[in-house]
């Protein structure tokens, strides 16, 4: 079982910062995430920056750099790259500060509609641009991600892995699997959106972006794994976005939520991070809602046959924060 990342800067960080013109700067822990990446705030005499430590071979900074360049070319606020050492997995980034969407809404829920509207406007603007040179979000990727549910979730709750999972998804996802129309950030949610001093929104954690269907990032935002999004707010924001393929939204919602149920179980079982189990009831709430759409009929039939109700949200009640 892998240990959680320790928030001590890598030994190579001071030399890297010195080469970048930040010699002698203080390095303070900022955040870890569900991967091996860690983030530190670099405190200079006149400005701050953020150090991303993405240690090889577990992580590769090149996709992050590629997508950052892509977003910059399109005029979106990804952090500026101040310095990079690809071989060491170190990147020095513009510091977007501490005003994150998640904490801003926790502090003042009355801002919810205004901030979500701004986030919807941003993603709708991004969807007006082609995806560029990104890899495709295709059936193979959808299936690989969805397979995390039977691989990790089923045995963790004492269920046998039943046949027919991949076939059910192949039938359901057929209408969306060939869509390459836009950049899909894949983790577009309240913990990866920063409120910047100029009133715009900054983007974080986009290194896994692919070319795919525009409904996916709407799901990421409006069926957020880490904070409750009321169905009424979800409906208002979908209406604000405009034309949304509701079948695609439900399909990609179910795929994403099943995947995350598997990932959070893996983080518990393999990586020693049980705190993610508190999110499982929320993921089931979203998934159950998505499964009601007729487009999910083959997948719903699989769940109904192989995942009893007491192995769904109710199973995780003791873990919920």
C-alpha atoms as a PDB file:
ATOM      1  CA  UNK A   1       0.000   0.000   0.000  1.00  0.00           C
ATOM      2  CA  UNK A   2       1.470   3.341  -1.043  1.00  0.00           C
ATOM      3  CA  UNK A   3       1.831   6.032   1.598  1.00  0.00           C
ATOM      4  CA  UNK A   4       0.279   9.452   1.194  1.00  0.00           C
ATOM      5  CA  UNK A   5       2.703  12.024  -0.217  1.00  0.00           C
ATOM      6  CA  UNK A   6       4.852  13.649   2.492  1.00  0.00           C
ATOM      7  CA  UNK A   7       4.800  17.431   2.234  1.00  0.00           C
ATOM      8  CA  UNK A   8       8.566  17.953   2.321  1.00  0.00           C
ATOM      9  CA  UNK A   9      10.088  19.652  -0.755  1.00  0.00           C
ATOM     10  CA  UNK A  10      12.213  17.400  -2.960  1.00  0.00           C
ATOM     11  CA  UNK A  11      15.951  17.672  -2.388  1.00  0.00           C
ATOM     12  CA  UNK A  12      16.426  19.097  -5.884  1.00  0.00           C
ATOM     13  CA  UNK A  13      14.001  22.000  -5.314  1.00  0.00           C
ATOM     14  CA  UNK A  14      16.469  24.625  -3.967  1.00  0.00           C
ATOM     15  CA  UNK A  15      18.841  24.199  -6.924  1.00  0.00           C
ATOM     16  CA  UNK A  16      15.928  24.308  -9.372  1.00  0.00           C
ATOM     17  CA  UNK A  17      14.615  27.509  -7.802  1.00  0.00           C
ATOM     18  CA  UNK A  18      18.084  29.059  -7.801  1.00  0.00           C
ATOM     19  CA  UNK A  19      18.454  28.383 -11.524  1.00  0.00           C
ATOM     20  CA  UNK A  20      15.038  30.000 -12.046  1.00  0.00           C
ATOM     21  CA  UNK A  21      16.066  33.158 -10.186  1.00  0.00           C
ATOM     22  CA  UNK A  22      14.308  32.261  -6.934  1.00  0.00           C
ATOM     23  CA  UNK A  23      17.375  31.299  -4.912  1.00  0.00           C
ATOM     24  CA  UNK A  24      16.899  31.460  -1.156  1.00  0.00           C
ATOM     25  CA  UNK A  25      13.104  31.624  -1.368  1.00  0.00           C
ATOM     26  CA  UNK A  26      11.147  29.904   1.371  1.00  0.00           C
ATOM     27  CA  UNK A  27       9.247  26.768   0.325  1.00  0.00           C
ATOM     28  CA  UNK A  28       6.005  26.115   2.226  1.00  0.00           C
ATOM     29  CA  UNK A  29       3.580  23.164   1.847  1.00  0.00           C
ATOM     30  CA  UNK A  30       0.484  24.032  -0.151  1.00  0.00           C
ATOM     31  CA  UNK A  31      -1.416  20.891  -1.181  1.00  0.00           C
ATOM     32  CA  UNK A  32      -1.255  17.279  -2.234  1.00  0.00           C
ATOM     33  CA  UNK A  33      -3.850  15.549  -4.380  1.00  0.00           C
ATOM     34  CA  UNK A  34      -5.146  12.138  -5.313  1.00  0.00           C
ATOM     35  CA  UNK A  35      -2.047  11.472  -7.430  1.00  0.00           C
ATOM     36  CA  UNK A  36       1.651  11.662  -6.557  1.00  0.00           C
ATOM     37  CA  UNK A  37       1.731  15.378  -7.387  1.00  0.00           C
ATOM     38  CA  UNK A  38       2.445  17.847  -4.606  1.00  0.00           C
ATOM     39  CA  UNK A  39       2.340  21.626  -4.556  1.00  0.00           C
ATOM     40  CA  UNK A  40       4.376  24.109  -2.552  1.00  0.00           C
ATOM     41  CA  UNK A  41       4.189  27.880  -2.254  1.00  0.00           C
ATOM     42  CA  UNK A  42       7.476  29.609  -3.002  1.00  0.00           C
ATOM     43  CA  UNK A  43       7.752  32.800  -0.967  1.00  0.00           C
ATOM     44  CA  UNK A  44      10.072  35.330  -2.607  1.00  0.00           C
ATOM     45  CA  UNK A  45      10.975  38.826  -1.431  1.00  0.00           C
ATOM     46  CA  UNK A  46       8.764  40.523  -4.019  1.00  0.00           C
ATOM     47  CA  UNK A  47       6.348  37.850  -5.234  1.00  0.00           C
ATOM     48  CA  UNK A  48       5.133  34.303  -4.663  1.00  0.00           C
ATOM     49  CA  UNK A  49       4.998  31.341  -7.008  1.00  0.00           C
ATOM     50  CA  UNK A  50       3.845  27.722  -6.853  1.00  0.00           C
ATOM     51  CA  UNK A  51       6.187  24.763  -7.182  1.00  0.00           C
ATOM     52  CA  UNK A  52       4.634  21.635  -8.674  1.00  0.00           C
ATOM     53  CA  UNK A  53       6.482  18.439  -7.803  1.00  0.00           C
ATOM     54  CA  UNK A  54       5.394  15.640 -10.142  1.00  0.00           C
ATOM     55  CA  UNK A  55       8.027  12.965  -9.498  1.00  0.00           C
ATOM     56  CA  UNK A  56       8.957  10.563 -12.304  1.00  0.00           C
ATOM     57  CA  UNK A  57       8.233   7.782 -12.986  1.00  0.00           C
ATOM     58  CA  UNK A  58       4.859   8.182 -11.253  1.00  0.00           C
ATOM     59  CA  UNK A  59       4.073  11.499 -12.953  1.00  0.00           C
ATOM     60  CA  UNK A  60       4.958  13.268 -16.201  1.00  0.00           C
ATOM     61  CA  UNK A  61       4.803  17.080 -16.391  1.00  0.00           C
ATOM     62  CA  UNK A  62       4.760  17.231 -20.190  1.00  0.00           C
ATOM     63  CA  UNK A  63       0.964  16.850 -20.571  1.00  0.00           C
ATOM     64  CA  UNK A  64       0.455  19.684 -18.075  1.00  0.00           C
ATOM     65  CA  UNK A  65       2.830  21.925 -20.027  1.00  0.00           C
ATOM     66  CA  UNK A  66       1.162  21.034 -23.331  1.00  0.00           C
ATOM     67  CA  UNK A  67      -2.349  21.779 -22.093  1.00  0.00           C
ATOM     68  CA  UNK A  68      -1.230  24.988 -20.361  1.00  0.00           C
ATOM     69  CA  UNK A  69       0.209  26.209 -23.656  1.00  0.00           C
ATOM     70  CA  UNK A  70      -3.020  25.211 -25.428  1.00  0.00           C
ATOM     71  CA  UNK A  71      -5.161  27.130 -22.937  1.00  0.00           C
ATOM     72  CA  UNK A  72      -2.905  30.185 -23.091  1.00  0.00           C
ATOM     73  CA  UNK A  73      -3.166  30.272 -26.882  1.00  0.00           C
ATOM     74  CA  UNK A  74      -6.958  30.263 -26.554  1.00  0.00           C
ATOM     75  CA  UNK A  75      -6.889  33.111 -24.028  1.00  0.00           C
ATOM     76  CA  UNK A  76      -7.805  31.189 -20.865  1.00  0.00           C
ATOM     77  CA  UNK A  77      -6.165  31.726 -17.481  1.00  0.00           C
ATOM     78  CA  UNK A  78      -3.950  28.744 -16.829  1.00  0.00           C
ATOM     79  CA  UNK A  79      -0.960  29.523 -14.576  1.00  0.00           C
ATOM     80  CA  UNK A  80       1.986  30.974 -16.466  1.00  0.00           C
ATOM     81  CA  UNK A  81       5.000  28.651 -16.582  1.00  0.00           C
ATOM     82  CA  UNK A  82       7.911  30.448 -14.894  1.00  0.00           C
ATOM     83  CA  UNK A  83      10.446  27.608 -15.057  1.00  0.00           C
ATOM     84  CA  UNK A  84      10.520  23.899 -15.799  1.00  0.00           C
ATOM     85  CA  UNK A  85      12.736  20.843 -15.346  1.00  0.00           C
ATOM     86  CA  UNK A  86      10.940  18.056 -17.155  1.00  0.00           C
ATOM     87  CA  UNK A  87      13.389  15.333 -16.168  1.00  0.00           C
ATOM     88  CA  UNK A  88      13.091  16.154 -12.464  1.00  0.00           C
ATOM     89  CA  UNK A  89       9.324  16.676 -12.649  1.00  0.00           C
ATOM     90  CA  UNK A  90       9.506  20.237 -11.324  1.00  0.00           C
ATOM     91  CA  UNK A  91       7.509  23.185 -12.652  1.00  0.00           C
ATOM     92  CA  UNK A  92       7.404  26.710 -11.228  1.00  0.00           C
ATOM     93  CA  UNK A  93       4.000  28.279 -11.783  1.00  0.00           C
ATOM     94  CA  UNK A  94       2.274  31.598 -11.442  1.00  0.00           C
ATOM     95  CA  UNK A  95       0.566  31.787  -8.046  1.00  0.00           C
ATOM     96  CA  UNK A  96      -3.196  32.270  -8.380  1.00  0.00           C
ATOM     97  CA  UNK A  97      -3.551  32.914  -4.641  1.00  0.00           C
ATOM     98  CA  UNK A  98      -5.922  31.242  -2.210  1.00  0.00           C
ATOM     99  CA  UNK A  99      -9.374  32.366  -3.365  1.00  0.00           C
ATOM    100  CA  UNK A 100     -10.631  29.012  -4.591  1.00  0.00           C
ATOM    101  CA  UNK A 101     -14.210  28.484  -5.747  1.00  0.00           C
ATOM    102  CA  UNK A 102     -14.849  25.741  -3.172  1.00  0.00           C
ATOM    103  CA  UNK A 103     -13.860  27.848  -0.161  1.00  0.00           C
ATOM    104  CA  UNK A 104     -15.507  30.993  -1.530  1.00  0.00           C
ATOM    105  CA  UNK A 105     -18.844  29.156  -1.732  1.00  0.00           C
ATOM    106  CA  UNK A 106     -18.407  27.548   1.684  1.00  0.00           C
ATOM    107  CA  UNK A 107     -17.847  31.019   3.158  1.00  0.00           C
ATOM    108  CA  UNK A 108     -20.736  32.673   1.301  1.00  0.00           C
ATOM    109  CA  UNK A 109     -23.307  30.313  -0.240  1.00  0.00           C
ATOM    110  CA  UNK A 110     -25.270  33.306  -1.541  1.00  0.00           C
ATOM    111  CA  UNK A 111     -22.623  33.638  -4.284  1.00  0.00           C
ATOM    112  CA  UNK A 112     -23.393  30.184  -5.653  1.00  0.00           C
ATOM    113  CA  UNK A 113     -25.477  31.179  -8.673  1.00  0.00           C
ATOM    114  CA  UNK A 114     -23.135  34.017  -9.659  1.00  0.00           C
ATOM    115  CA  UNK A 115     -19.939  31.960  -9.458  1.00  0.00           C
ATOM    116  CA  UNK A 116     -21.413  28.885 -11.127  1.00  0.00           C
ATOM    117  CA  UNK A 117     -22.780  31.085 -13.894  1.00  0.00           C
ATOM    118  CA  UNK A 118     -19.293  32.474 -14.463  1.00  0.00           C
ATOM    119  CA  UNK A 119     -17.858  28.945 -14.517  1.00  0.00           C
ATOM    120  CA  UNK A 120     -20.495  27.864 -17.050  1.00  0.00           C
ATOM    121  CA  UNK A 121     -19.670  30.887 -19.212  1.00  0.00           C
ATOM    122  CA  UNK A 122     -15.985  29.916 -19.184  1.00  0.00           C
ATOM    123  CA  UNK A 123     -16.559  26.309 -20.219  1.00  0.00           C
ATOM    124  CA  UNK A 124     -19.061  27.360 -22.887  1.00  0.00           C
ATOM    125  CA  UNK A 125     -16.414  29.725 -24.294  1.00  0.00           C
ATOM    126  CA  UNK A 126     -13.851  26.914 -24.286  1.00  0.00           C
ATOM    127  CA  UNK A 127     -16.300  24.704 -26.169  1.00  0.00           C
ATOM    128  CA  UNK A 128     -16.297  27.201 -29.037  1.00  0.00           C
ATOM    129  CA  UNK A 129     -12.702  26.204 -29.841  1.00  0.00           C
ATOM    130  CA  UNK A 130     -11.440  22.974 -31.399  1.00  0.00           C
ATOM    131  CA  UNK A 131      -9.402  20.676 -29.176  1.00  0.00           C
ATOM    132  CA  UNK A 132      -6.159  21.056 -31.082  1.00  0.00           C
ATOM    133  CA  UNK A 133      -3.549  18.321 -30.718  1.00  0.00           C
ATOM    134  CA  UNK A 134      -5.039  16.576 -27.690  1.00  0.00           C
ATOM    135  CA  UNK A 135      -5.469  12.819 -27.624  1.00  0.00           C
ATOM    136  CA  UNK A 136      -9.036  11.528 -28.177  1.00  0.00           C
ATOM    137  CA  UNK A 137     -11.475  10.726 -25.406  1.00  0.00           C
ATOM    138  CA  UNK A 138     -12.683   7.607 -27.172  1.00  0.00           C
ATOM    139  CA  UNK A 139     -14.382   4.326 -26.342  1.00  0.00           C
ATOM    140  CA  UNK A 140     -11.123   2.717 -25.248  1.00  0.00           C
ATOM    141  CA  UNK A 141     -10.555   5.453 -22.650  1.00  0.00           C
ATOM    142  CA  UNK A 142     -14.180   5.414 -21.493  1.00  0.00           C
ATOM    143  CA  UNK A 143     -14.031   1.654 -21.030  1.00  0.00           C
ATOM    144  CA  UNK A 144     -10.660   1.726 -19.267  1.00  0.00           C
ATOM    145  CA  UNK A 145     -11.986   4.294 -16.814  1.00  0.00           C
ATOM    146  CA  UNK A 146     -15.325   2.591 -16.268  1.00  0.00           C
ATOM    147  CA  UNK A 147     -13.526  -0.692 -15.574  1.00  0.00           C
ATOM    148  CA  UNK A 148     -12.225   0.804 -12.318  1.00  0.00           C
ATOM    149  CA  UNK A 149     -15.661   0.194 -10.806  1.00  0.00           C
ATOM    150  CA  UNK A 150     -15.753  -3.605 -11.105  1.00  0.00           C
ATOM    151  CA  UNK A 151     -11.983  -3.843 -10.512  1.00  0.00           C
ATOM    152  CA  UNK A 152     -11.907  -1.953  -7.199  1.00  0.00           C
ATOM    153  CA  UNK A 153     -15.428  -1.245  -5.978  1.00  0.00           C
ATOM    154  CA  UNK A 154     -17.044  -4.651  -6.364  1.00  0.00           C
ATOM    155  CA  UNK A 155     -14.539  -6.700  -4.341  1.00  0.00           C
ATOM    156  CA  UNK A 156     -14.268  -3.951  -1.701  1.00  0.00           C
ATOM    157  CA  UNK A 157     -17.981  -4.306  -0.856  1.00  0.00           C
ATOM    158  CA  UNK A 158     -17.923  -8.095  -1.036  1.00  0.00           C
ATOM    159  CA  UNK A 159     -19.406  -8.559  -4.509  1.00  0.00           C
ATOM    160  CA  UNK A 160     -18.208 -10.848  -7.288  1.00  0.00           C
ATOM    161  CA  UNK A 161     -17.252  -9.181 -10.549  1.00  0.00           C
ATOM    162  CA  UNK A 162     -20.135 -10.048 -12.854  1.00  0.00           C
ATOM    163  CA  UNK A 163     -19.981 -10.346 -16.657  1.00  0.00           C
ATOM    164  CA  UNK A 164     -21.534  -7.892 -19.081  1.00  0.00           C
ATOM    165  CA  UNK A 165     -20.116  -4.622 -17.727  1.00  0.00           C
ATOM    166  CA  UNK A 166     -18.068  -3.658 -20.781  1.00  0.00           C
ATOM    167  CA  UNK A 167     -20.837  -4.747 -23.142  1.00  0.00           C
ATOM    168  CA  UNK A 168     -23.418  -2.585 -21.356  1.00  0.00           C
ATOM    169  CA  UNK A 169     -21.151   0.464 -21.600  1.00  0.00           C
ATOM    170  CA  UNK A 170     -20.293  -0.203 -25.238  1.00  0.00           C
ATOM    171  CA  UNK A 171     -23.982  -0.181 -26.090  1.00  0.00           C
ATOM    172  CA  UNK A 172     -24.772   2.933 -24.042  1.00  0.00           C
ATOM    173  CA  UNK A 173     -21.742   5.062 -24.957  1.00  0.00           C
ATOM    174  CA  UNK A 174     -21.889   4.432 -28.688  1.00  0.00           C
ATOM    175  CA  UNK A 175     -23.586   7.795 -29.482  1.00  0.00           C
ATOM    176  CA  UNK A 176     -20.869   9.878 -27.744  1.00  0.00           C
ATOM    177  CA  UNK A 177     -17.698   7.815 -28.146  1.00  0.00           C
ATOM    178  CA  UNK A 178     -16.622   9.340 -31.458  1.00  0.00           C
ATOM    179  CA  UNK A 179     -17.070  12.989 -30.451  1.00  0.00           C
ATOM    180  CA  UNK A 180     -13.770  14.942 -30.566  1.00  0.00           C
ATOM    181  CA  UNK A 181     -15.288  18.399 -30.796  1.00  0.00           C
ATOM    182  CA  UNK A 182     -13.715  20.204 -27.872  1.00  0.00           C
ATOM    183  CA  UNK A 183     -11.151  20.314 -25.096  1.00  0.00           C
ATOM    184  CA  UNK A 184     -12.310  18.219 -22.143  1.00  0.00           C
ATOM    185  CA  UNK A 185     -10.425  19.326 -19.017  1.00  0.00           C
ATOM    186  CA  UNK A 186     -11.801  16.270 -17.132  1.00  0.00           C
ATOM    187  CA  UNK A 187     -11.436  17.761 -13.639  1.00  0.00           C
ATOM    188  CA  UNK A 188     -13.338  21.008 -14.012  1.00  0.00           C
ATOM    189  CA  UNK A 189     -14.857  21.488 -10.566  1.00  0.00           C
ATOM    190  CA  UNK A 190     -14.924  23.800  -7.565  1.00  0.00           C
ATOM    191  CA  UNK A 191     -11.550  22.711  -6.175  1.00  0.00           C
ATOM    192  CA  UNK A 192      -9.771  23.396  -9.469  1.00  0.00           C
ATOM    193  CA  UNK A 193     -11.227  26.834 -10.229  1.00  0.00           C
ATOM    194  CA  UNK A 194      -9.617  29.952  -8.767  1.00  0.00           C
ATOM    195  CA  UNK A 195     -11.231  33.372  -8.330  1.00  0.00           C
ATOM    196  CA  UNK A 196      -8.622  35.823  -9.580  1.00  0.00           C
ATOM    197  CA  UNK A 197      -8.180  39.448  -8.466  1.00  0.00           C
ATOM    198  CA  UNK A 198      -9.296  40.800 -11.859  1.00  0.00           C
ATOM    199  CA  UNK A 199     -12.643  38.998 -11.523  1.00  0.00           C
ATOM    200  CA  UNK A 200     -11.833  36.207 -13.980  1.00  0.00           C
ATOM    201  CA  UNK A 201     -11.473  32.501 -13.256  1.00  0.00           C
ATOM    202  CA  UNK A 202      -8.197  30.601 -13.221  1.00  0.00           C
ATOM    203  CA  UNK A 203      -7.844  26.932 -14.169  1.00  0.00           C
ATOM    204  CA  UNK A 204      -5.887  24.245 -12.316  1.00  0.00           C
ATOM    205  CA  UNK A 205      -5.254  20.501 -12.647  1.00  0.00           C
ATOM    206  CA  UNK A 206      -5.882  20.151 -16.367  1.00  0.00           C
ATOM    207  CA  UNK A 207      -3.000  17.858 -17.342  1.00  0.00           C
ATOM    208  CA  UNK A 208      -5.361  14.999 -18.227  1.00  0.00           C
ATOM    209  CA  UNK A 209      -7.263  16.994 -20.871  1.00  0.00           C
ATOM    210  CA  UNK A 210      -8.444  15.129 -23.969  1.00  0.00           C
ATOM    211  CA  UNK A 211     -10.455  15.873 -27.095  1.00  0.00           C
ATOM    212  CA  UNK A 212     -14.013  14.774 -26.463  1.00  0.00           C
ATOM    213  CA  UNK A 213     -17.663  15.592 -25.879  1.00  0.00           C
ATOM    214  CA  UNK A 214     -18.582  18.990 -24.339  1.00  0.00           C
ATOM    215  CA  UNK A 215     -21.037  17.438 -21.868  1.00  0.00           C
ATOM    216  CA  UNK A 216     -18.238  15.839 -19.863  1.00  0.00           C
ATOM    217  CA  UNK A 217     -16.947  19.015 -18.207  1.00  0.00           C
ATOM    218  CA  UNK A 218     -20.489  20.122 -17.484  1.00  0.00           C
ATOM    219  CA  UNK A 219     -20.818  16.908 -15.489  1.00  0.00           C
ATOM    220  CA  UNK A 220     -17.480  17.549 -13.754  1.00  0.00           C
ATOM    221  CA  UNK A 221     -18.735  20.928 -12.577  1.00  0.00           C
ATOM    222  CA  UNK A 222     -22.386  20.167 -11.834  1.00  0.00           C
ATOM    223  CA  UNK A 223     -21.982  16.676 -10.368  1.00  0.00           C
ATOM    224  CA  UNK A 224     -18.971  17.658  -8.282  1.00  0.00           C
ATOM    225  CA  UNK A 225     -17.399  14.808  -6.339  1.00  0.00           C
ATOM    226  CA  UNK A 226     -16.247  17.059  -3.500  1.00  0.00           C
ATOM    227  CA  UNK A 227     -19.237  19.325  -2.844  1.00  0.00           C
ATOM    228  CA  UNK A 228     -22.988  18.907  -3.081  1.00  0.00           C
ATOM    229  CA  UNK A 229     -24.614  20.534  -6.091  1.00  0.00           C
ATOM    230  CA  UNK A 230     -28.367  20.723  -5.658  1.00  0.00           C
ATOM    231  CA  UNK A 231     -30.459  19.376  -8.546  1.00  0.00           C
ATOM    232  CA  UNK A 232     -32.104  22.808  -8.829  1.00  0.00           C
ATOM    233  CA  UNK A 233     -28.745  24.540  -9.267  1.00  0.00           C
ATOM    234  CA  UNK A 234     -27.675  21.875 -11.756  1.00  0.00           C
ATOM    235  CA  UNK A 235     -30.847  22.476 -13.784  1.00  0.00           C
ATOM    236  CA  UNK A 236     -30.411  26.274 -13.762  1.00  0.00           C
ATOM    237  CA  UNK A 237     -26.817  26.030 -14.910  1.00  0.00           C
ATOM    238  CA  UNK A 238     -27.628  23.581 -17.705  1.00  0.00           C
ATOM    239  CA  UNK A 239     -30.319  25.972 -18.881  1.00  0.00           C
ATOM    240  CA  UNK A 240     -27.829  28.849 -18.737  1.00  0.00           C
ATOM    241  CA  UNK A 241     -25.303  26.877 -20.806  1.00  0.00           C
ATOM    242  CA  UNK A 242     -27.868  26.558 -23.565  1.00  0.00           C
ATOM    243  CA  UNK A 243     -28.231  23.574 -25.831  1.00  0.00           C
ATOM    244  CA  UNK A 244     -27.209  20.471 -23.892  1.00  0.00           C
ATOM    245  CA  UNK A 245     -27.614  16.922 -25.129  1.00  0.00           C
ATOM    246  CA  UNK A 246     -29.290  15.526 -22.003  1.00  0.00           C
ATOM    247  CA  UNK A 247     -28.689  11.923 -23.045  1.00  0.00           C
ATOM    248  CA  UNK A 248     -24.962  12.615 -23.451  1.00  0.00           C
ATOM    249  CA  UNK A 249     -24.942  14.455 -20.124  1.00  0.00           C
ATOM    250  CA  UNK A 250     -26.498  11.469 -18.336  1.00  0.00           C
ATOM    251  CA  UNK A 251     -24.239   8.975 -20.129  1.00  0.00           C
ATOM    252  CA  UNK A 252     -21.040  10.818 -19.318  1.00  0.00           C
ATOM    253  CA  UNK A 253     -22.285  11.556 -15.814  1.00  0.00           C
ATOM    254  CA  UNK A 254     -22.847   7.872 -15.144  1.00  0.00           C
ATOM    255  CA  UNK A 255     -19.493   6.936 -16.663  1.00  0.00           C
ATOM    256  CA  UNK A 256     -17.645   9.567 -14.638  1.00  0.00           C
ATOM    257  CA  UNK A 257     -19.407   8.767 -11.387  1.00  0.00           C
ATOM    258  CA  UNK A 258     -18.887   5.013 -11.726  1.00  0.00           C
ATOM    259  CA  UNK A 259     -15.226   5.680 -12.479  1.00  0.00           C
ATOM    260  CA  UNK A 260     -14.856   7.920  -9.412  1.00  0.00           C
ATOM    261  CA  UNK A 261     -16.483   5.328  -7.164  1.00  0.00           C
ATOM    262  CA  UNK A 262     -13.757   2.969  -8.340  1.00  0.00           C
ATOM    263  CA  UNK A 263     -10.990   5.547  -7.968  1.00  0.00           C
ATOM    264  CA  UNK A 264     -11.983   6.542  -4.441  1.00  0.00           C
ATOM    265  CA  UNK A 265     -12.090   2.870  -3.458  1.00  0.00           C
ATOM    266  CA  UNK A 266      -8.642   2.373  -4.965  1.00  0.00           C
ATOM    267  CA  UNK A 267      -7.326   5.393  -3.058  1.00  0.00           C
ATOM    268  CA  UNK A 268      -8.535   3.687   0.116  1.00  0.00           C
ATOM    269  CA  UNK A 269      -7.418   0.134  -0.613  1.00  0.00           C
ATOM    270  CA  UNK A 270      -4.179   0.698  -2.517  1.00  0.00           C
ATOM    271  CA  UNK A 271      -2.974   4.159  -1.559  1.00  0.00           C
ATOM    272  CA  UNK A 272      -3.957   4.401   2.097  1.00  0.00           C
ATOM    273  CA  UNK A 273      -6.245   7.437   1.679  1.00  0.00           C
ATOM    274  CA  UNK A 274      -9.533   6.536   3.415  1.00  0.00           C
ATOM    275  CA  UNK A 275     -10.689  10.171   3.551  1.00  0.00           C
ATOM    276  CA  UNK A 276     -12.061   9.786   0.016  1.00  0.00           C
ATOM    277  CA  UNK A 277     -14.655   7.302   1.272  1.00  0.00           C
ATOM    278  CA  UNK A 278     -16.662  10.196   2.718  1.00  0.00           C
ATOM    279  CA  UNK A 279     -17.492  11.199  -0.873  1.00  0.00           C
ATOM    280  CA  UNK A 280     -18.964   7.836  -1.903  1.00  0.00           C
ATOM    281  CA  UNK A 281     -22.596   8.557  -0.859  1.00  0.00           C
ATOM    282  CA  UNK A 282     -22.532  11.757  -2.941  1.00  0.00           C
ATOM    283  CA  UNK A 283     -21.230   9.873  -5.973  1.00  0.00           C
ATOM    284  CA  UNK A 284     -24.027   7.336  -5.618  1.00  0.00           C
ATOM    285  CA  UNK A 285     -26.597  10.143  -5.443  1.00  0.00           C
ATOM    286  CA  UNK A 286     -25.380  11.511  -8.767  1.00  0.00           C
ATOM    287  CA  UNK A 287     -25.048   8.065 -10.347  1.00  0.00           C
ATOM    288  CA  UNK A 288     -28.541   6.963  -9.335  1.00  0.00           C
ATOM    289  CA  UNK A 289     -29.941  10.149 -10.879  1.00  0.00           C
ATOM    290  CA  UNK A 290     -28.045   9.572 -14.140  1.00  0.00           C
ATOM    291  CA  UNK A 291     -29.127   5.940 -14.371  1.00  0.00           C
ATOM    292  CA  UNK A 292     -32.760   7.003 -14.630  1.00  0.00           C
ATOM    293  CA  UNK A 293     -32.215   8.377 -18.150  1.00  0.00           C
ATOM    294  CA  UNK A 294     -33.398   5.948 -20.857  1.00  0.00           C
ATOM    295  CA  UNK A 295     -30.008   6.197 -22.587  1.00  0.00           C
ATOM    296  CA  UNK A 296     -28.526   4.301 -19.614  1.00  0.00           C
ATOM    297  CA  UNK A 297     -30.931   1.358 -19.858  1.00  0.00           C
ATOM    298  CA  UNK A 298     -28.281  -1.358 -20.444  1.00  0.00           C
ATOM    299  CA  UNK A 299     -26.037  -0.007 -17.682  1.00  0.00           C
ATOM    300  CA  UNK A 300     -28.943   0.379 -15.243  1.00  0.00           C
ATOM    301  CA  UNK A 301     -29.938  -3.206 -15.929  1.00  0.00           C
ATOM    302  CA  UNK A 302     -26.419  -4.346 -15.019  1.00  0.00           C
ATOM    303  CA  UNK A 303     -26.463  -2.382 -11.751  1.00  0.00           C
ATOM    304  CA  UNK A 304     -29.923  -3.657 -10.865  1.00  0.00           C
ATOM    305  CA  UNK A 305     -28.801  -7.239 -11.444  1.00  0.00           C
ATOM    306  CA  UNK A 306     -25.415  -7.121  -9.715  1.00  0.00           C
ATOM    307  CA  UNK A 307     -25.207  -4.286  -7.144  1.00  0.00           C
ATOM    308  CA  UNK A 308     -27.828  -4.590  -4.368  1.00  0.00           C
ATOM    309  CA  UNK A 309     -29.097  -1.393  -2.767  1.00  0.00           C
ATOM    310  CA  UNK A 310     -27.287  -2.131   0.498  1.00  0.00           C
ATOM    311  CA  UNK A 311     -23.978  -2.103  -1.424  1.00  0.00           C
ATOM    312  CA  UNK A 312     -24.562   1.377  -2.826  1.00  0.00           C
ATOM    313  CA  UNK A 313     -24.781   4.656  -0.892  1.00  0.00           C
ATOM    314  CA  UNK A 314     -26.003   2.995   2.297  1.00  0.00           C
ATOM    315  CA  UNK A 315     -22.812   0.949   2.529  1.00  0.00           C
ATOM    316  CA  UNK A 316     -20.717   4.081   3.071  1.00  0.00           C
ATOM    317  CA  UNK A 317     -22.888   5.837   5.672  1.00  0.00           C
ATOM    318  CA  UNK A 318     -20.378   5.256   8.476  1.00  0.00           C
ATOM    319  CA  UNK A 319     -17.636   6.966   6.475  1.00  0.00           C
ATOM    320  CA  UNK A 320     -19.555  10.097   5.575  1.00  0.00           C
ATOM    321  CA  UNK A 321     -18.150  13.282   7.061  1.00  0.00           C
END
